[in-house]
PDB file of N, CA and C in Angstrom:
ATOM      1  N   UNK A   1       0.846  -1.173   0.000  1.00  0.00           N
ATOM      2  CA  UNK A   1       0.000   0.000   0.000  1.00  0.00           C
ATOM      3  C   UNK A   1       0.897   1.244   0.000  1.00  0.00           C
ATOM      4  N   UNK A   2       0.706   2.154  -0.975  1.00  0.00           N
ATOM      5  CA  UNK A   2       1.557   3.350  -1.025  1.00  0.00           C
ATOM      6  C   UNK A   2       1.245   4.321   0.108  1.00  0.00           C
ATOM      7  N   UNK A   3       2.283   5.018   0.516  1.00  0.00           N
ATOM      8  CA  UNK A   3       2.132   6.013   1.568  1.00  0.00           C
ATOM      9  C   UNK A   3       1.408   7.231   1.037  1.00  0.00           C
ATOM     10  N   UNK A   4       0.538   7.773   1.851  1.00  0.00           N
ATOM     11  CA  UNK A   4      -0.180   8.983   1.475  1.00  0.00           C
ATOM     12  C   UNK A   4       0.723  10.195   1.721  1.00  0.00           C
ATOM     13  N   UNK A   5       0.919  10.977   0.680  1.00  0.00           N
ATOM     14  CA  UNK A   5       1.785  12.135   0.783  1.00  0.00           C
ATOM     15  C   UNK A   5       0.934  13.363   1.051  1.00  0.00           C
ATOM     16  N   UNK A   6       1.270  14.050   2.113  1.00  0.00           N
ATOM     17  CA  UNK A   6       0.550  15.285   2.428  1.00  0.00           C
ATOM     18  C   UNK A   6       1.405  16.470   2.005  1.00  0.00           C
ATOM     19  N   UNK A   7       0.789  17.428   1.335  1.00  0.00           N
ATOM     20  CA  UNK A   7       1.581  18.588   0.899  1.00  0.00           C
ATOM     21  C   UNK A   7       2.028  19.429   2.092  1.00  0.00           C
ATOM     22  N   UNK A   8       3.228  19.961   1.974  1.00  0.00           N
ATOM     23  CA  UNK A   8       3.754  20.826   3.028  1.00  0.00           C
ATOM     24  C   UNK A   8       3.122  22.201   2.898  1.00  0.00           C
ATOM     25  N   UNK A   9       2.864  22.811   4.040  1.00  0.00           N
ATOM     26  CA  UNK A   9       2.357  24.174   4.039  1.00  0.00           C
ATOM     27  C   UNK A   9       3.545  25.108   3.827  1.00  0.00           C
ATOM     28  N   UNK A  10       3.467  25.877   2.773  1.00  0.00           N
ATOM     29  CA  UNK A  10       4.553  26.805   2.489  1.00  0.00           C
ATOM     30  C   UNK A  10       4.043  28.234   2.545  1.00  0.00           C
ATOM     31  N   UNK A  11       4.918  29.125   2.888  1.00  0.00           N
ATOM     32  CA  UNK A  11       4.592  30.533   2.909  1.00  0.00           C
ATOM     33  C   UNK A  11       4.753  31.049   1.482  1.00  0.00           C
ATOM     34  N   UNK A  12       3.754  31.770   0.951  1.00  0.00           N
ATOM     35  CA  UNK A  12       3.905  32.295  -0.403  1.00  0.00           C
ATOM     36  C   UNK A  12       5.178  33.122  -0.546  1.00  0.00           C
ATOM     37  N   UNK A  13       5.781  33.030  -1.726  1.00  0.00           N
ATOM     38  CA  UNK A  13       7.066  33.674  -1.983  1.00  0.00           C
ATOM     39  C   UNK A  13       7.024  35.177  -1.699  1.00  0.00           C
ATOM     40  N   UNK A  14       5.923  35.830  -2.070  1.00  0.00           N
ATOM     41  CA  UNK A  14       5.802  37.270  -1.885  1.00  0.00           C
ATOM     42  C   UNK A  14       5.866  37.644  -0.401  1.00  0.00           C
ATOM     43  N   UNK A  15       5.163  36.887   0.439  1.00  0.00           N
ATOM     44  CA  UNK A  15       5.151  37.172   1.875  1.00  0.00           C
ATOM     45  C   UNK A  15       6.533  36.928   2.476  1.00  0.00           C
ATOM     46  N   UNK A  16       7.174  35.813   2.098  1.00  0.00           N
ATOM     47  CA  UNK A  16       8.490  35.524   2.659  1.00  0.00           C
ATOM     48  C   UNK A  16       9.515  36.564   2.202  1.00  0.00           C
ATOM     49  N   UNK A  17       9.360  37.084   0.981  1.00  0.00           N
ATOM     50  CA  UNK A  17      10.255  38.129   0.488  1.00  0.00           C
ATOM     51  C   UNK A  17      10.086  39.404   1.307  1.00  0.00           C
ATOM     52  N   UNK A  18       8.845  39.801   1.574  1.00  0.00           N
ATOM     53  CA  UNK A  18       8.593  40.988   2.395  1.00  0.00           C
ATOM     54  C   UNK A  18       9.067  40.764   3.828  1.00  0.00           C
ATOM     55  N   UNK A  19       8.917  39.542   4.323  1.00  0.00           N
ATOM     56  CA  UNK A  19       9.368  39.241   5.682  1.00  0.00           C
ATOM     57  C   UNK A  19      10.884  39.402   5.782  1.00  0.00           C
ATOM     58  N   UNK A  20      11.627  38.826   4.838  1.00  0.00           N
ATOM     59  CA  UNK A  20      13.083  38.917   4.901  1.00  0.00           C
ATOM     60  C   UNK A  20      13.560  40.362   4.729  1.00  0.00           C
ATOM     61  N   UNK A  21      12.896  41.125   3.852  1.00  0.00           N
ATOM     62  CA  UNK A  21      13.253  42.539   3.698  1.00  0.00           C
ATOM     63  C   UNK A  21      12.953  43.303   4.985  1.00  0.00           C
ATOM     64  N   UNK A  22      11.804  43.012   5.584  1.00  0.00           N
ATOM     65  CA  UNK A  22      11.410  43.717   6.802  1.00  0.00           C
ATOM     66  C   UNK A  22      12.392  43.454   7.934  1.00  0.00           C
ATOM     67  N   UNK A  23      12.812  42.210   8.067  1.00  0.00           N
ATOM     68  CA  UNK A  23      13.778  41.868   9.117  1.00  0.00           C
ATOM     69  C   UNK A  23      15.117  42.541   8.819  1.00  0.00           C
ATOM     70  N   UNK A  24      15.497  42.550   7.556  1.00  0.00           N
ATOM     71  CA  UNK A  24      16.757  43.173   7.152  1.00  0.00           C
ATOM     72  C   UNK A  24      16.745  44.680   7.432  1.00  0.00           C
ATOM     73  N   UNK A  25      15.588  45.320   7.241  1.00  0.00           N
ATOM     74  CA  UNK A  25      15.458  46.764   7.408  1.00  0.00           C
ATOM     75  C   UNK A  25      14.943  47.172   8.790  1.00  0.00           C
ATOM     76  N   UNK A  26      14.980  46.259   9.764  1.00  0.00           N
ATOM     77  CA  UNK A  26      14.527  46.551  11.122  1.00  0.00           C
ATOM     78  C   UNK A  26      15.301  47.749  11.684  1.00  0.00           C
ATOM     79  N   UNK A  27      14.579  48.689  12.286  1.00  0.00           N
ATOM     80  CA  UNK A  27      15.115  49.927  12.865  1.00  0.00           C
ATOM     81  C   UNK A  27      15.730  50.843  11.809  1.00  0.00           C
ATOM     82  N   UNK A  28      15.247  50.708  10.578  1.00  0.00           N
ATOM     83  CA  UNK A  28      15.699  51.558   9.476  1.00  0.00           C
ATOM     84  C   UNK A  28      14.536  52.421   8.997  1.00  0.00           C
ATOM     85  N   UNK A  29      14.843  53.547   8.380  1.00  0.00           N
ATOM     86  CA  UNK A  29      13.846  54.458   7.826  1.00  0.00           C
ATOM     87  C   UNK A  29      13.454  53.947   6.442  1.00  0.00           C
ATOM     88  N   UNK A  30      12.162  53.618   6.248  1.00  0.00           N
ATOM     89  CA  UNK A  30      11.702  53.002   5.005  1.00  0.00           C
ATOM     90  C   UNK A  30      10.461  53.698   4.455  1.00  0.00           C
ATOM     91  N   UNK A  31      10.156  53.365   3.209  1.00  0.00           N
ATOM     92  CA  UNK A  31       8.911  53.763   2.569  1.00  0.00           C
ATOM     93  C   UNK A  31       8.255  52.463   2.117  1.00  0.00           C
ATOM     94  N   UNK A  32       6.969  52.278   2.485  1.00  0.00           N
ATOM     95  CA  UNK A  32       6.237  51.053   2.163  1.00  0.00           C
ATOM     96  C   UNK A  32       4.996  51.406   1.360  1.00  0.00           C
ATOM     97  N   UNK A  33       4.769  50.657   0.269  1.00  0.00           N
ATOM     98  CA  UNK A  33       3.578  50.857  -0.552  1.00  0.00           C
ATOM     99  C   UNK A  33       2.725  49.595  -0.472  1.00  0.00           C
ATOM    100  N   UNK A  34       1.404  49.770  -0.270  1.00  0.00           N
ATOM    101  CA  UNK A  34       0.513  48.620  -0.204  1.00  0.00           C
ATOM    102  C   UNK A  34      -0.304  48.496  -1.491  1.00  0.00           C
ATOM    103  N   UNK A  35      -1.127  47.451  -1.562  1.00  0.00           N
ATOM    104  CA  UNK A  35      -1.919  47.171  -2.762  1.00  0.00           C
ATOM    105  C   UNK A  35      -2.937  48.257  -3.081  1.00  0.00           C
ATOM    106  N   UNK A  36      -3.388  48.983  -2.076  1.00  0.00           N
ATOM    107  CA  UNK A  36      -4.387  50.035  -2.287  1.00  0.00           C
ATOM    108  C   UNK A  36      -3.765  51.338  -2.783  1.00  0.00           C
ATOM    109  N   UNK A  37      -2.433  51.390  -2.836  1.00  0.00           N
ATOM    110  CA  UNK A  37      -1.753  52.591  -3.295  1.00  0.00           C
ATOM    111  C   UNK A  37      -1.318  53.521  -2.184  1.00  0.00           C
ATOM    112  N   UNK A  38      -1.591  53.165  -0.944  1.00  0.00           N
ATOM    113  CA  UNK A  38      -1.151  53.982   0.191  1.00  0.00           C
ATOM    114  C   UNK A  38       0.359  53.860   0.355  1.00  0.00           C
ATOM    115  N   UNK A  39       1.000  54.959   0.683  1.00  0.00           N
ATOM    116  CA  UNK A  39       2.445  54.968   0.900  1.00  0.00           C
ATOM    117  C   UNK A  39       2.703  55.401   2.344  1.00  0.00           C
ATOM    118  N   UNK A  40       3.417  54.570   3.078  1.00  0.00           N
ATOM    119  CA  UNK A  40       3.732  54.833   4.480  1.00  0.00           C
ATOM    120  C   UNK A  40       5.231  55.095   4.605  1.00  0.00           C
ATOM    121  N   UNK A  41       5.588  56.110   5.354  1.00  0.00           N
ATOM    122  CA  UNK A  41       6.988  56.433   5.598  1.00  0.00           C
ATOM    123  C   UNK A  41       7.230  56.384   7.097  1.00  0.00           C
ATOM    124  N   UNK A  42       8.284  55.662   7.498  1.00  0.00           N
ATOM    125  CA  UNK A  42       8.584  55.558   8.916  1.00  0.00           C
ATOM    126  C   UNK A  42       9.697  54.572   9.191  1.00  0.00           C
ATOM    127  N   UNK A  43       9.769  54.130  10.442  1.00  0.00           N
ATOM    128  CA  UNK A  43      10.810  53.217  10.896  1.00  0.00           C
ATOM    129  C   UNK A  43      10.179  51.886  11.302  1.00  0.00           C
ATOM    130  N   UNK A  44      10.750  50.786  10.812  1.00  0.00           N
ATOM    131  CA  UNK A  44      10.260  49.454  11.197  1.00  0.00           C
ATOM    132  C   UNK A  44      10.735  49.164  12.615  1.00  0.00           C
ATOM    133  N   UNK A  45       9.784  48.900  13.525  1.00  0.00           N
ATOM    134  CA  UNK A  45      10.137  48.651  14.926  1.00  0.00           C
ATOM    135  C   UNK A  45      10.018  47.180  15.324  1.00  0.00           C
ATOM    136  N   UNK A  46       9.202  46.410  14.585  1.00  0.00           N
ATOM    137  CA  UNK A  46       9.008  45.003  14.920  1.00  0.00           C
ATOM    138  C   UNK A  46       8.497  44.269  13.682  1.00  0.00           C
ATOM    139  N   UNK A  47       8.837  42.987  13.572  1.00  0.00           N
ATOM    140  CA  UNK A  47       8.370  42.162  12.462  1.00  0.00           C
ATOM    141  C   UNK A  47       8.000  40.794  13.008  1.00  0.00           C
ATOM    142  N   UNK A  48       6.847  40.286  12.597  1.00  0.00           N
ATOM    143  CA  UNK A  48       6.528  38.893  12.877  1.00  0.00           C
ATOM    144  C   UNK A  48       6.159  38.229  11.555  1.00  0.00           C
ATOM    145  N   UNK A  49       5.692  37.006  11.581  1.00  0.00           N
ATOM    146  CA  UNK A  49       5.448  36.251  10.343  1.00  0.00           C
ATOM    147  C   UNK A  49       4.314  36.822   9.497  1.00  0.00           C
ATOM    148  N   UNK A  50       3.411  37.609  10.090  1.00  0.00           N
ATOM    149  CA  UNK A  50       2.269  38.128   9.336  1.00  0.00           C
ATOM    150  C   UNK A  50       2.260  39.639   9.189  1.00  0.00           C
ATOM    151  N   UNK A  51       2.963  40.353  10.067  1.00  0.00           N
ATOM    152  CA  UNK A  51       2.866  41.812  10.076  1.00  0.00           C
ATOM    153  C   UNK A  51       4.228  42.476  10.238  1.00  0.00           C
ATOM    154  N   UNK A  52       4.283  43.703   9.741  1.00  0.00           N
ATOM    155  CA  UNK A  52       5.423  44.571   9.999  1.00  0.00           C
ATOM    156  C   UNK A  52       4.861  45.774  10.757  1.00  0.00           C
ATOM    157  N   UNK A  53       5.516  46.152  11.840  1.00  0.00           N
ATOM    158  CA  UNK A  53       5.055  47.253  12.678  1.00  0.00           C
ATOM    159  C   UNK A  53       5.910  48.474  12.367  1.00  0.00           C
ATOM    160  N   UNK A  54       5.240  49.506  11.890  1.00  0.00           N
ATOM    161  CA  UNK A  54       5.923  50.699  11.407  1.00  0.00           C
ATOM    162  C   UNK A  54       5.613  51.887  12.301  1.00  0.00           C
ATOM    163  N   UNK A  55       6.660  52.545  12.800  1.00  0.00           N
ATOM    164  CA  UNK A  55       6.493  53.804  13.535  1.00  0.00           C
ATOM    165  C   UNK A  55       6.361  54.883  12.464  1.00  0.00           C
ATOM    166  N   UNK A  56       5.150  55.341  12.267  1.00  0.00           N
ATOM    167  CA  UNK A  56       4.783  56.145  11.102  1.00  0.00           C
ATOM    168  C   UNK A  56       5.159  57.611  11.273  1.00  0.00           C
ATOM    169  N   UNK A  57       5.743  58.179  10.211  1.00  0.00           N
ATOM    170  CA  UNK A  57       5.994  59.618  10.136  1.00  0.00           C
ATOM    171  C   UNK A  57       4.943  60.276   9.256  1.00  0.00           C
ATOM    172  N   UNK A  58       4.628  59.640   8.111  1.00  0.00           N
ATOM    173  CA  UNK A  58       3.607  60.194   7.223  1.00  0.00           C
ATOM    174  C   UNK A  58       2.944  59.075   6.421  1.00  0.00           C
ATOM    175  N   UNK A  59       1.713  59.367   5.969  1.00  0.00           N
ATOM    176  CA  UNK A  59       0.933  58.440   5.156  1.00  0.00           C
ATOM    177  C   UNK A  59       0.390  59.212   3.970  1.00  0.00           C
ATOM    178  N   UNK A  60       0.582  58.656   2.767  1.00  0.00           N
ATOM    179  CA  UNK A  60       0.011  59.260   1.574  1.00  0.00           C
ATOM    180  C   UNK A  60      -1.160  58.378   1.149  1.00  0.00           C
ATOM    181  N   UNK A  61      -2.367  58.936   1.254  1.00  0.00           N
ATOM    182  CA  UNK A  61      -3.582  58.185   0.969  1.00  0.00           C
ATOM    183  C   UNK A  61      -4.450  59.000   0.013  1.00  0.00           C
ATOM    184  N   UNK A  62      -4.781  58.428  -1.115  1.00  0.00           N
ATOM    185  CA  UNK A  62      -5.638  59.077  -2.120  1.00  0.00           C
ATOM    186  C   UNK A  62      -5.098  60.445  -2.529  1.00  0.00           C
ATOM    187  N   UNK A  63      -3.783  60.515  -2.717  1.00  0.00           N
ATOM    188  CA  UNK A  63      -3.166  61.753  -3.174  1.00  0.00           C
ATOM    189  C   UNK A  63      -2.916  62.792  -2.094  1.00  0.00           C
ATOM    190  N   UNK A  64      -3.374  62.542  -0.875  1.00  0.00           N
ATOM    191  CA  UNK A  64      -3.169  63.489   0.229  1.00  0.00           C
ATOM    192  C   UNK A  64      -2.155  62.915   1.204  1.00  0.00           C
ATOM    193  N   UNK A  65      -1.270  63.765   1.677  1.00  0.00           N
ATOM    194  CA  UNK A  65      -0.264  63.340   2.649  1.00  0.00           C
ATOM    195  C   UNK A  65      -0.712  63.750   4.037  1.00  0.00           C
ATOM    196  N   UNK A  66      -0.672  62.784   4.955  1.00  0.00           N
ATOM    197  CA  UNK A  66      -1.023  63.036   6.350  1.00  0.00           C
ATOM    198  C   UNK A  66       0.243  62.865   7.182  1.00  0.00           C
ATOM    199  N   UNK A  67       0.648  63.891   7.861  1.00  0.00           N
ATOM    200  CA  UNK A  67       1.839  63.849   8.702  1.00  0.00           C
ATOM    201  C   UNK A  67       1.417  63.918  10.161  1.00  0.00           C
ATOM    202  N   UNK A  68       2.037  63.049  10.972  1.00  0.00           N
ATOM    203  CA  UNK A  68       1.716  63.013  12.395  1.00  0.00           C
ATOM    204  C   UNK A  68       2.900  63.526  13.193  1.00  0.00           C
ATOM    205  N   UNK A  69       2.646  64.474  14.084  1.00  0.00           N
ATOM    206  CA  UNK A  69       3.699  64.968  14.950  1.00  0.00           C
ATOM    207  C   UNK A  69       3.836  64.097  16.192  1.00  0.00           C
ATOM    208  N   UNK A  70       2.837  63.273  16.450  1.00  0.00           N
ATOM    209  CA  UNK A  70       2.892  62.285  17.525  1.00  0.00           C
ATOM    210  C   UNK A  70       3.035  60.931  16.845  1.00  0.00           C
ATOM    211  N   UNK A  71       4.235  60.340  16.871  1.00  0.00           N
ATOM    212  CA  UNK A  71       4.429  59.081  16.159  1.00  0.00           C
ATOM    213  C   UNK A  71       3.565  57.962  16.745  1.00  0.00           C
ATOM    214  N   UNK A  72       3.001  57.166  15.872  1.00  0.00           N
ATOM    215  CA  UNK A  72       2.229  56.008  16.303  1.00  0.00           C
ATOM    216  C   UNK A  72       2.717  54.790  15.543  1.00  0.00           C
ATOM    217  N   UNK A  73       2.457  53.607  16.088  1.00  0.00           N
ATOM    218  CA  UNK A  73       2.906  52.364  15.464  1.00  0.00           C
ATOM    219  C   UNK A  73       1.729  51.742  14.731  1.00  0.00           C
ATOM    220  N   UNK A  74       1.937  51.476  13.451  1.00  0.00           N
ATOM    221  CA  UNK A  74       0.899  50.951  12.581  1.00  0.00           C
ATOM    222  C   UNK A  74       1.267  49.535  12.165  1.00  0.00           C
ATOM    223  N   UNK A  75       0.427  48.527  12.492  1.00  0.00           N
ATOM    224  CA  UNK A  75       0.717  47.174  12.022  1.00  0.00           C
ATOM    225  C   UNK A  75       0.238  47.019  10.575  1.00  0.00           C
ATOM    226  N   UNK A  76       1.121  46.628   9.676  1.00  0.00           N
ATOM    227  CA  UNK A  76       0.777  46.411   8.279  1.00  0.00           C
ATOM    228  C   UNK A  76       0.874  44.920   7.974  1.00  0.00           C
ATOM    229  N   UNK A  77      -0.115  44.384   7.280  1.00  0.00           N
ATOM    230  CA  UNK A  77      -0.137  42.965   6.942  1.00  0.00           C
ATOM    231  C   UNK A  77       0.806  42.734   5.766  1.00  0.00           C
ATOM    232  N   UNK A  78       1.733  41.771   5.903  1.00  0.00           N
ATOM    233  CA  UNK A  78       2.725  41.519   4.865  1.00  0.00           C
ATOM    234  C   UNK A  78       2.090  41.146   3.532  1.00  0.00           C
ATOM    235  N   UNK A  79       0.937  40.466   3.572  1.00  0.00           N
ATOM    236  CA  UNK A  79       0.270  40.017   2.347  1.00  0.00           C
ATOM    237  C   UNK A  79      -0.190  41.190   1.491  1.00  0.00           C
ATOM    238  N   UNK A  80      -0.509  42.332   2.104  1.00  0.00           N
ATOM    239  CA  UNK A  80      -1.026  43.489   1.377  1.00  0.00           C
ATOM    240  C   UNK A  80       0.058  44.429   0.853  1.00  0.00           C
ATOM    241  N   UNK A  81       1.313  44.129   1.105  1.00  0.00           N
ATOM    242  CA  UNK A  81       2.381  45.047   0.717  1.00  0.00           C
ATOM    243  C   UNK A  81       2.861  44.784  -0.701  1.00  0.00           C
ATOM    244  N   UNK A  82       3.173  45.848  -1.416  1.00  0.00           N
ATOM    245  CA  UNK A  82       3.744  45.728  -2.754  1.00  0.00           C
ATOM    246  C   UNK A  82       5.252  45.921  -2.739  1.00  0.00           C
ATOM    247  N   UNK A  83       5.716  46.910  -1.992  1.00  0.00           N
ATOM    248  CA  UNK A  83       7.144  47.211  -2.000  1.00  0.00           C
ATOM    249  C   UNK A  83       7.594  47.791  -0.671  1.00  0.00           C
ATOM    250  N   UNK A  84       8.845  47.477  -0.312  1.00  0.00           N
ATOM    251  CA  UNK A  84       9.487  48.059   0.854  1.00  0.00           C
ATOM    252  C   UNK A  84      10.817  48.625   0.363  1.00  0.00           C
ATOM    253  N   UNK A  85      11.013  49.918   0.562  1.00  0.00           N
ATOM    254  CA  UNK A  85      12.208  50.582   0.059  1.00  0.00           C
ATOM    255  C   UNK A  85      12.946  51.226   1.220  1.00  0.00           C
ATOM    256  N   UNK A  86      14.246  50.985   1.292  1.00  0.00           N
ATOM    257  CA  UNK A  86      15.083  51.601   2.312  1.00  0.00           C
ATOM    258  C   UNK A  86      15.394  53.025   1.881  1.00  0.00           C
ATOM    259  N   UNK A  87      15.151  53.981   2.776  1.00  0.00           N
ATOM    260  CA  UNK A  87      15.430  55.384   2.483  1.00  0.00           C
ATOM    261  C   UNK A  87      16.755  55.782   3.120  1.00  0.00           C
ATOM    262  N   UNK A  88      17.531  56.552   2.412  1.00  0.00           N
ATOM    263  CA  UNK A  88      18.824  57.011   2.896  1.00  0.00           C
ATOM    264  C   UNK A  88      18.631  58.239   3.776  1.00  0.00           C
ATOM    265  N   UNK A  89      19.061  58.169   5.006  1.00  0.00           N
ATOM    266  CA  UNK A  89      18.877  59.301   5.926  1.00  0.00           C
ATOM    267  C   UNK A  89      20.157  60.112   6.089  1.00  0.00           C
ATOM    268  N   UNK A  90      21.221  59.691   5.422  1.00  0.00           N
ATOM    269  CA  UNK A  90      22.462  60.465   5.503  1.00  0.00           C
ATOM    270  C   UNK A  90      22.341  61.730   4.688  1.00  0.00           C
ATOM    271  N   UNK A  91      22.957  62.768   5.146  1.00  0.00           N
ATOM    272  CA  UNK A  91      22.968  64.013   4.387  1.00  0.00           C
ATOM    273  C   UNK A  91      24.198  64.006   3.500  1.00  0.00           C
ATOM    274  N   UNK A  92      23.957  64.155   2.211  1.00  0.00           N
ATOM    275  CA  UNK A  92      25.063  64.156   1.265  1.00  0.00           C
ATOM    276  C   UNK A  92      25.400  65.566   0.809  1.00  0.00           C
ATOM    277  N   UNK A  93      26.523  65.682   0.219  1.00  0.00           N
ATOM    278  CA  UNK A  93      26.961  66.973  -0.321  1.00  0.00           C
ATOM    279  C   UNK A  93      26.370  67.153  -1.696  1.00  0.00           C
ATOM    280  N   UNK A  94      25.867  68.310  -1.978  1.00  0.00           N
ATOM    281  CA  UNK A  94      25.353  68.624  -3.302  1.00  0.00           C
ATOM    282  C   UNK A  94      26.463  69.261  -4.105  1.00  0.00           C
ATOM    283  N   UNK A  95      26.736  68.705  -5.247  1.00  0.00           N
ATOM    284  CA  UNK A  95      27.807  69.227  -6.105  1.00  0.00           C
ATOM    285  C   UNK A  95      27.234  69.948  -7.286  1.00  0.00           C
TER     286      UNK A  95
END
């Protein structure tokens, strides 16, 4: 009698890619874009298997930018993210 093979549960490639980027960019200043077109700017403070926690500086939603002077932590679901970009916070010389 052949053995019954059960498929392994795998994390979708997109989620694992965002997870590894999020862990790599922990405590870094980033810009994150989600599927709805919202753009979040802030610092990643925590990452788990399903969410990235962002200390938000500003949110661009429907063409309007919302800036908070009181930073808050926003949990973002990794599945809904399109891109995570590391922002350079060093001041460079303009030539």
